[in-house]
Amino acid sequence: MFSLFKTKRQKFFLPEEEAKIVNAIREAERETSGEIRLYIESKNRFVDPLDRAAEIFYLLRMHETANRNAVLVYVAMKHHELAVFADEGIFNKAGQQFWNNAVLTMLREFKKDHYADGLAEVIQKTGQLLKTHFPYDPATDKNELPDDLVFGK
């Protein structure tokens, strides 16, 4: 059986950097029904990183959230590519400029080799956006997707 996901993680981050990113996801999701995931792999096998992010988004079944408000942050480390893919529920509310700015934020930090900082910042901003449009309701909301990082090949 072919698996898109690795059981052994490549060492893209130091443990404290990985913890920072996971904590950013948990904090971002605390006040929203939205979901955020981060997918990291070495190389992008597609020409366009947004196409790859869309494929991962659907393979991770992120389109199945109740409010269609999941966001995937995608990074191909060795190819120096990244993308942010948002489901229709949040994409349309935010507008294209928000997603363009998210990519620019990551690029700015990545150029300084601040990968964890750039990812955490985009996750926090995405969480604020999700909170605005999909606030947390303790009576109905649940964590629909895991908060851990997903590593590809």
C-alpha atoms as a PDB file:
ATOM      1  CA  MET A   1       0.000   0.000   0.000  1.00  0.00           C
ATOM      2  CA  PHE A   2       1.348   3.406  -0.986  1.00  0.00           C
ATOM      3  CA  SER A   3       1.284   6.088   1.670  1.00  0.00           C
ATOM      4  CA  LEU A   4       1.577   9.784   1.060  1.00  0.00           C
ATOM      5  CA  PHE A   5       2.660  10.360   4.625  1.00  0.00           C
ATOM      6  CA  LYS A   6       5.886   9.290   6.270  1.00  0.00           C
ATOM      7  CA  THR A   7       6.138   7.501   9.550  1.00  0.00           C
ATOM      8  CA  LYS A   8       9.694   8.778  10.052  1.00  0.00           C
ATOM      9  CA  ARG A   9      10.015  12.517  10.223  1.00  0.00           C
ATOM     10  CA  GLN A  10      12.739  14.357   8.455  1.00  0.00           C
ATOM     11  CA  LYS A  11      14.442  16.873  10.675  1.00  0.00           C
ATOM     12  CA  PHE A  12      13.099  20.131   9.269  1.00  0.00           C
ATOM     13  CA  PHE A  13      12.683  21.728  12.695  1.00  0.00           C
ATOM     14  CA  LEU A  14      14.299  21.591  16.091  1.00  0.00           C
ATOM     15  CA  PRO A  15      11.957  20.164  18.743  1.00  0.00           C
ATOM     16  CA  GLU A  16      11.331  23.619  20.228  1.00  0.00           C
ATOM     17  CA  GLU A  17      10.515  25.026  16.769  1.00  0.00           C
ATOM     18  CA  GLU A  18       8.067  22.224  16.105  1.00  0.00           C
ATOM     19  CA  ALA A  19       6.487  22.821  19.532  1.00  0.00           C
ATOM     20  CA  LYS A  20       6.166  26.535  18.701  1.00  0.00           C
ATOM     21  CA  ILE A  21       4.300  25.743  15.490  1.00  0.00           C
ATOM     22  CA  VAL A  22       1.987  23.174  17.092  1.00  0.00           C
ATOM     23  CA  ASN A  23       1.246  25.597  19.930  1.00  0.00           C
ATOM     24  CA  ALA A  24       0.453  28.299  17.365  1.00  0.00           C
ATOM     25  CA  ILE A  25      -2.060  25.945  15.730  1.00  0.00           C
ATOM     26  CA  ARG A  26      -3.681  25.106  19.069  1.00  0.00           C
ATOM     27  CA  GLU A  27      -3.844  28.763  20.097  1.00  0.00           C
ATOM     28  CA  ALA A  28      -5.232  29.806  16.708  1.00  0.00           C
ATOM     29  CA  GLU A  29      -7.963  27.171  16.875  1.00  0.00           C
ATOM     30  CA  ARG A  30      -8.895  27.896  20.494  1.00  0.00           C
ATOM     31  CA  GLU A  31     -11.333  30.707  19.618  1.00  0.00           C
ATOM     32  CA  THR A  32     -12.686  29.440  16.301  1.00  0.00           C
ATOM     33  CA  SER A  33     -14.463  26.478  14.788  1.00  0.00           C
ATOM     34  CA  GLY A  34     -11.953  26.680  11.925  1.00  0.00           C
ATOM     35  CA  GLU A  35      -9.132  24.210  11.419  1.00  0.00           C
ATOM     36  CA  ILE A  36      -5.503  24.790  10.462  1.00  0.00           C
ATOM     37  CA  ARG A  37      -2.989  22.161   9.370  1.00  0.00           C
ATOM     38  CA  LEU A  38       0.623  22.353   8.263  1.00  0.00           C
ATOM     39  CA  TYR A  39       2.052  19.952   5.694  1.00  0.00           C
ATOM     40  CA  ILE A  40       5.823  19.849   5.202  1.00  0.00           C
ATOM     41  CA  GLU A  41       7.737  17.856   2.603  1.00  0.00           C
ATOM     42  CA  SER A  42      11.133  18.015   0.963  1.00  0.00           C
ATOM     43  CA  LYS A  43      10.133  18.414  -2.660  1.00  0.00           C
ATOM     44  CA  ASN A  44       7.021  19.401  -4.550  1.00  0.00           C
ATOM     45  CA  ARG A  45       6.273  16.887  -7.274  1.00  0.00           C
ATOM     46  CA  PHE A  46       3.889  19.336  -8.977  1.00  0.00           C
ATOM     47  CA  VAL A  47       4.784  22.404 -10.977  1.00  0.00           C
ATOM     48  CA  ASP A  48       2.565  24.710  -8.916  1.00  0.00           C
ATOM     49  CA  PRO A  49       2.731  24.550  -5.105  1.00  0.00           C
ATOM     50  CA  LEU A  50      -0.919  25.637  -4.876  1.00  0.00           C
ATOM     51  CA  ASP A  51      -1.907  22.555  -6.912  1.00  0.00           C
ATOM     52  CA  ARG A  52       0.092  20.382  -4.529  1.00  0.00           C
ATOM     53  CA  ALA A  53      -1.500  22.086  -1.527  1.00  0.00           C
ATOM     54  CA  ALA A  54      -4.955  21.430  -2.994  1.00  0.00           C
ATOM     55  CA  GLU A  55      -4.120  17.758  -3.466  1.00  0.00           C
ATOM     56  CA  ILE A  56      -2.888  17.442   0.132  1.00  0.00           C
ATOM     57  CA  PHE A  57      -5.925  19.358   1.398  1.00  0.00           C
ATOM     58  CA  TYR A  58      -8.270  16.779  -0.108  1.00  0.00           C
ATOM     59  CA  LEU A  59      -6.118  13.782   0.828  1.00  0.00           C
ATOM     60  CA  LEU A  60      -6.191  14.966   4.455  1.00  0.00           C
ATOM     61  CA  ARG A  61      -9.979  15.250   4.104  1.00  0.00           C
ATOM     62  CA  MET A  62      -9.880  18.862   5.208  1.00  0.00           C
ATOM     63  CA  HIS A  63     -12.820  19.666   2.933  1.00  0.00           C
ATOM     64  CA  GLU A  64     -15.047  17.634   5.241  1.00  0.00           C
ATOM     65  CA  THR A  65     -15.147  20.182   8.063  1.00  0.00           C
ATOM     66  CA  ALA A  66     -18.685  21.200   8.955  1.00  0.00           C
ATOM     67  CA  ASN A  67     -18.299  24.863   7.981  1.00  0.00           C
ATOM     68  CA  ARG A  68     -15.800  24.369   5.144  1.00  0.00           C
ATOM     69  CA  ASN A  69     -13.390  26.560   7.112  1.00  0.00           C
ATOM     70  CA  ALA A  70     -10.148  24.602   7.078  1.00  0.00           C
ATOM     71  CA  VAL A  71      -6.818  26.061   5.975  1.00  0.00           C
ATOM     72  CA  LEU A  72      -3.712  24.155   4.894  1.00  0.00           C
ATOM     73  CA  VAL A  73      -0.273  25.728   5.001  1.00  0.00           C
ATOM     74  CA  TYR A  74       2.021  23.845   2.615  1.00  0.00           C
ATOM     75  CA  VAL A  75       5.824  23.996   2.443  1.00  0.00           C
ATOM     76  CA  ALA A  76       8.277  22.104   0.209  1.00  0.00           C
ATOM     77  CA  MET A  77      11.553  22.779   2.019  1.00  0.00           C
ATOM     78  CA  LYS A  78      14.176  21.767  -0.563  1.00  0.00           C
ATOM     79  CA  HIS A  79      12.279  23.314  -3.457  1.00  0.00           C
ATOM     80  CA  HIS A  80      11.684  26.506  -1.449  1.00  0.00           C
ATOM     81  CA  GLU A  81       8.001  26.521  -2.316  1.00  0.00           C
ATOM     82  CA  LEU A  82       4.954  27.276  -0.238  1.00  0.00           C
ATOM     83  CA  ALA A  83       1.246  27.879  -0.505  1.00  0.00           C
ATOM     84  CA  VAL A  84      -1.799  28.468   1.630  1.00  0.00           C
ATOM     85  CA  PHE A  85      -4.949  26.624   0.575  1.00  0.00           C
ATOM     86  CA  ALA A  86      -8.248  27.567   2.195  1.00  0.00           C
ATOM     87  CA  ASP A  87     -11.625  25.888   1.882  1.00  0.00           C
ATOM     88  CA  GLU A  88     -14.451  27.847   0.288  1.00  0.00           C
ATOM     89  CA  GLY A  89     -16.089  28.841   3.574  1.00  0.00           C
ATOM     90  CA  ILE A  90     -13.130  30.940   4.700  1.00  0.00           C
ATOM     91  CA  PHE A  91     -11.472  31.703   1.357  1.00  0.00           C
ATOM     92  CA  ASN A  92     -14.421  33.738   0.110  1.00  0.00           C
ATOM     93  CA  LYS A  93     -14.798  35.660   3.363  1.00  0.00           C
ATOM     94  CA  ALA A  94     -11.132  36.650   3.479  1.00  0.00           C
ATOM     95  CA  GLY A  95     -10.531  37.588  -0.123  1.00  0.00           C
ATOM     96  CA  GLN A  96      -7.477  36.895  -2.249  1.00  0.00           C
ATOM     97  CA  GLN A  97      -5.368  39.656  -0.696  1.00  0.00           C
ATOM     98  CA  PHE A  98      -5.339  37.983   2.737  1.00  0.00           C
ATOM     99  CA  TRP A  99      -3.937  34.760   1.266  1.00  0.00           C
ATOM    100  CA  ASN A 100      -1.390  36.649  -0.835  1.00  0.00           C
ATOM    101  CA  ASN A 101      -0.241  38.463   2.299  1.00  0.00           C
ATOM    102  CA  ALA A 102       0.052  35.166   4.176  1.00  0.00           C
ATOM    103  CA  VAL A 103       2.450  33.870   1.540  1.00  0.00           C
ATOM    104  CA  LEU A 104       4.424  37.138   1.594  1.00  0.00           C
ATOM    105  CA  THR A 105       4.717  36.915   5.392  1.00  0.00           C
ATOM    106  CA  MET A 106       6.183  33.430   5.158  1.00  0.00           C
ATOM    107  CA  LEU A 107       8.552  34.430   2.370  1.00  0.00           C
ATOM    108  CA  ARG A 108       9.807  37.421   4.372  1.00  0.00           C
ATOM    109  CA  GLU A 109      10.612  35.229   7.393  1.00  0.00           C
ATOM    110  CA  PHE A 110      11.930  32.297   5.363  1.00  0.00           C
ATOM    111  CA  LYS A 111      14.459  34.585   3.648  1.00  0.00           C
ATOM    112  CA  LYS A 112      15.881  35.230   7.122  1.00  0.00           C
ATOM    113  CA  ASP A 113      15.880  31.462   7.851  1.00  0.00           C
ATOM    114  CA  HIS A 114      13.108  32.012  10.433  1.00  0.00           C
ATOM    115  CA  TYR A 115      10.916  29.149   9.259  1.00  0.00           C
ATOM    116  CA  ALA A 116       9.134  28.415  12.534  1.00  0.00           C
ATOM    117  CA  ASP A 117       8.551  32.137  13.152  1.00  0.00           C
ATOM    118  CA  GLY A 118       7.094  32.656   9.692  1.00  0.00           C
ATOM    119  CA  LEU A 119       4.817  29.654   9.989  1.00  0.00           C
ATOM    120  CA  ALA A 120       3.684  30.595  13.500  1.00  0.00           C
ATOM    121  CA  GLU A 121       2.908  34.160  12.373  1.00  0.00           C
ATOM    122  CA  VAL A 122       0.798  33.022   9.416  1.00  0.00           C
ATOM    123  CA  ILE A 123      -0.999  30.491  11.601  1.00  0.00           C
ATOM    124  CA  GLN A 124      -1.775  33.183  14.196  1.00  0.00           C
ATOM    125  CA  LYS A 125      -3.089  35.614  11.562  1.00  0.00           C
ATOM    126  CA  THR A 126      -5.175  32.855   9.996  1.00  0.00           C
ATOM    127  CA  GLY A 127      -6.554  32.014  13.433  1.00  0.00           C
ATOM    128  CA  GLN A 128      -7.615  35.642  13.939  1.00  0.00           C
ATOM    129  CA  LEU A 129      -9.336  35.618  10.553  1.00  0.00           C
ATOM    130  CA  LEU A 130     -11.122  32.378  11.385  1.00  0.00           C
ATOM    131  CA  LYS A 131     -12.151  33.755  14.791  1.00  0.00           C
ATOM    132  CA  THR A 132     -13.730  36.786  13.096  1.00  0.00           C
ATOM    133  CA  HIS A 133     -15.828  34.735  10.687  1.00  0.00           C
ATOM    134  CA  PHE A 134     -16.206  31.442  12.563  1.00  0.00           C
ATOM    135  CA  PRO A 135     -16.077  32.147  16.316  1.00  0.00           C
ATOM    136  CA  TYR A 136     -15.827  29.258  18.734  1.00  0.00           C
ATOM    137  CA  ASP A 137     -19.109  27.973  20.169  1.00  0.00           C
ATOM    138  CA  PRO A 138     -18.476  25.660  23.151  1.00  0.00           C
ATOM    139  CA  ALA A 139     -21.886  24.051  22.720  1.00  0.00           C
ATOM    140  CA  THR A 140     -21.282  22.837  19.179  1.00  0.00           C
ATOM    141  CA  ASP A 141     -17.607  23.069  18.243  1.00  0.00           C
ATOM    142  CA  LYS A 142     -15.100  20.255  18.354  1.00  0.00           C
ATOM    143  CA  ASN A 143     -11.581  19.852  17.066  1.00  0.00           C
ATOM    144  CA  GLU A 144     -12.333  18.172  13.740  1.00  0.00           C
ATOM    145  CA  LEU A 145      -8.720  17.686  12.607  1.00  0.00           C
ATOM    146  CA  PRO A 146      -5.475  16.870  14.456  1.00  0.00           C
ATOM    147  CA  ASP A 147      -3.200  19.783  15.371  1.00  0.00           C
ATOM    148  CA  ASP A 148       0.075  17.954  14.747  1.00  0.00           C
ATOM    149  CA  LEU A 149       2.313  18.667  11.780  1.00  0.00           C
ATOM    150  CA  VAL A 150       2.058  16.355   8.790  1.00  0.00           C
ATOM    151  CA  PHE A 151       5.277  15.349   7.071  1.00  0.00           C
ATOM    152  CA  GLY A 152       5.419  14.111   3.508  1.00  0.00           C
ATOM    153  CA  LYS A 153       8.297  12.590   1.629  1.00  0.00           C
END
